[in-house]
């Protein structure tokens, strides 16, 4: 399966950010862990701090991928445009967050973008991505059954 992993604002700084919230792994390390755990998948990572670039990736994903994992970063709490793009995209989608957004500041507790996905996983650092990949594989295979 071909999986697109979209990473939003400030996720290029993983490893430098508060490790209690975000863990110690970089995006490259998370991608390697995903490839090691799920060698049968083709996993492509995309990261941008620019909202419009994230929207463009979502809009073009159906031509080349079977599913999307998205960590919109701070855009989860503010971007109606990313939410709208996710809603239109026909692929299975899982939102992830490294930190437990329900246990953070009030403004982080609500994800606007999660409602555009099939579900979301929050609080398990790099394991959030692994969990999302497992679930996405199940969603895609059940769609073909």
Protein backbone atom coordinates (compact mmCIF):
# COMPACT_ATOMS: atom_id res chain seq x y z
CA UNK A 1 0.00 0.00 0.00
CA UNK A 2 1.08 3.54 -0.70
CA UNK A 3 0.67 5.79 2.31
CA UNK A 4 1.16 9.56 2.42
CA UNK A 5 2.18 10.93 5.81
CA UNK A 6 1.56 14.67 5.97
CA UNK A 7 3.23 16.65 8.74
CA UNK A 8 2.33 20.24 9.49
CA UNK A 9 3.83 23.22 11.20
CA UNK A 10 6.91 22.91 13.41
CA UNK A 11 7.17 19.14 13.02
CA UNK A 12 10.47 19.68 11.24
CA UNK A 13 11.75 20.62 14.71
CA UNK A 14 11.05 17.26 16.35
CA UNK A 15 13.99 16.30 18.53
CA UNK A 16 14.42 19.96 19.49
CA UNK A 17 10.93 20.54 20.90
CA UNK A 18 9.75 19.57 24.39
CA UNK A 19 10.48 15.85 24.55
CA UNK A 20 7.90 15.34 27.31
CA UNK A 21 5.18 16.23 24.80
CA UNK A 22 6.67 15.23 21.48
CA UNK A 23 9.25 12.55 22.23
CA UNK A 24 12.88 12.48 21.15
CA UNK A 25 12.48 11.13 17.61
CA UNK A 26 12.89 13.21 14.45
CA UNK A 27 10.53 12.83 11.49
CA UNK A 28 13.22 10.81 9.70
CA UNK A 29 13.48 8.46 12.68
CA UNK A 30 9.69 8.08 12.82
CA UNK A 31 9.64 7.25 9.10
CA UNK A 32 12.36 4.63 9.63
CA UNK A 33 10.41 3.06 12.50
CA UNK A 34 7.30 2.90 10.30
CA UNK A 35 9.24 1.30 7.44
CA UNK A 36 10.80 -1.24 9.81
CA UNK A 37 7.44 -2.19 11.34
CA UNK A 38 5.49 -2.24 8.06
CA UNK A 39 7.97 -3.19 5.32
CA UNK A 40 5.20 -4.00 2.83
CA UNK A 41 4.08 -0.39 2.59
CA UNK A 42 5.46 2.43 0.50
CA UNK A 43 5.50 5.37 2.92
CA UNK A 44 6.10 8.90 1.69
CA UNK A 45 6.57 11.73 4.18
CA UNK A 46 5.72 15.35 3.45
CA UNK A 47 6.28 18.24 5.86
CA UNK A 48 5.41 21.90 5.48
CA UNK A 49 4.92 24.91 7.69
CA UNK A 50 2.69 26.40 4.98
CA UNK A 51 -1.03 25.70 5.16
CA UNK A 52 -1.64 25.95 1.40
CA UNK A 53 1.07 23.38 0.63
CA UNK A 54 -0.57 20.93 3.02
CA UNK A 55 -3.92 21.49 1.32
CA UNK A 56 -2.33 20.88 -2.10
CA UNK A 57 -0.88 17.56 -0.88
CA UNK A 58 -4.27 16.45 0.42
CA UNK A 59 -6.01 17.45 -2.81
CA UNK A 60 -3.53 15.51 -4.97
CA UNK A 61 -3.21 12.43 -2.77
CA UNK A 62 -5.99 10.32 -4.31
CA UNK A 63 -4.08 10.10 -7.61
CA UNK A 64 -1.05 8.39 -6.04
CA UNK A 65 -1.87 6.97 -2.62
CA UNK A 66 -4.16 4.50 -0.86
CA UNK A 67 -4.44 6.42 2.41
CA UNK A 68 -3.28 9.42 4.44
CA UNK A 69 -1.87 9.85 7.91
CA UNK A 70 -1.85 13.52 8.88
CA UNK A 71 -0.32 15.33 11.81
CA UNK A 72 -1.42 18.90 11.11
CA UNK A 73 0.47 20.23 14.13
CA UNK A 74 -0.98 23.53 15.32
CA UNK A 75 -3.16 23.75 12.21
CA UNK A 76 -5.35 21.07 13.80
CA UNK A 77 -6.78 23.74 16.07
CA UNK A 78 -7.16 26.54 13.53
CA UNK A 79 -7.48 25.39 9.92
CA UNK A 80 -10.95 25.12 8.48
CA UNK A 81 -9.28 24.95 5.04
CA UNK A 82 -7.31 21.79 5.88
CA UNK A 83 -10.48 20.30 7.43
CA UNK A 84 -12.40 21.05 4.22
CA UNK A 85 -9.69 19.47 2.03
CA UNK A 86 -9.72 16.34 4.21
CA UNK A 87 -13.50 16.09 3.97
CA UNK A 88 -13.40 16.17 0.15
CA UNK A 89 -10.57 13.62 -0.10
CA UNK A 90 -12.02 10.16 -0.66
CA UNK A 91 -9.05 8.24 0.81
CA UNK A 92 -9.05 6.68 4.27
CA UNK A 93 -7.43 9.18 6.64
CA UNK A 94 -6.15 9.03 10.22
CA UNK A 95 -5.03 12.10 12.16
CA UNK A 96 -2.20 11.72 14.66
CA UNK A 97 -0.74 13.83 17.44
CA UNK A 98 2.43 13.02 19.33
CA UNK A 99 1.21 14.69 22.51
CA UNK A 100 -2.03 14.02 24.35
CA UNK A 101 -3.98 17.04 23.15
CA UNK A 102 -6.81 16.34 25.62
CA UNK A 103 -4.37 16.88 28.48
CA UNK A 104 -2.89 20.12 27.18
CA UNK A 105 -3.94 23.77 27.08
CA UNK A 106 -7.61 24.45 26.38
CA UNK A 107 -6.96 25.74 22.85
CA UNK A 108 -5.24 22.43 21.95
CA UNK A 109 -8.06 20.21 23.17
CA UNK A 110 -10.19 20.69 20.06
CA UNK A 111 -9.06 19.49 16.65
CA UNK A 112 -10.99 21.04 13.78
CA UNK A 113 -9.22 18.82 11.28
CA UNK A 114 -9.94 15.49 13.00
CA UNK A 115 -13.57 15.61 11.87
CA UNK A 116 -12.33 15.41 8.27
CA UNK A 117 -10.64 12.07 9.02
CA UNK A 118 -11.89 8.59 9.82
CA UNK A 119 -10.48 8.98 13.34
CA UNK A 120 -7.53 10.26 15.32
CA UNK A 121 -4.84 9.04 17.70
CA UNK A 122 -3.24 11.28 20.28
CA UNK A 123 -0.66 11.04 23.03
CA UNK A 124 1.60 8.13 22.15
CA UNK A 125 4.52 10.06 20.66
CA UNK A 126 6.02 8.10 17.70
CA UNK A 127 3.70 5.18 18.48
CA UNK A 128 0.78 7.37 17.39
CA UNK A 129 2.12 7.06 13.84
CA UNK A 130 2.55 3.29 14.12
CA UNK A 131 -0.98 2.90 15.46
CA UNK A 132 -2.34 5.03 12.63
CA UNK A 133 -0.48 2.95 10.05
CA UNK A 134 -1.89 -0.26 11.51
CA UNK A 135 -5.44 1.14 11.46
CA UNK A 136 -5.02 2.62 7.99
CA UNK A 137 -3.89 -0.75 6.65
CA UNK A 138 -7.03 -2.33 8.16
CA UNK A 139 -9.28 0.39 6.68
CA UNK A 140 -7.77 0.02 3.22
CA UNK A 141 -7.88 -3.80 3.19
CA UNK A 142 -11.45 -3.92 4.47
CA UNK A 143 -12.44 -1.48 1.72
CA UNK A 144 -11.12 -4.00 -0.86
CA UNK A 145 -12.81 -7.05 0.76
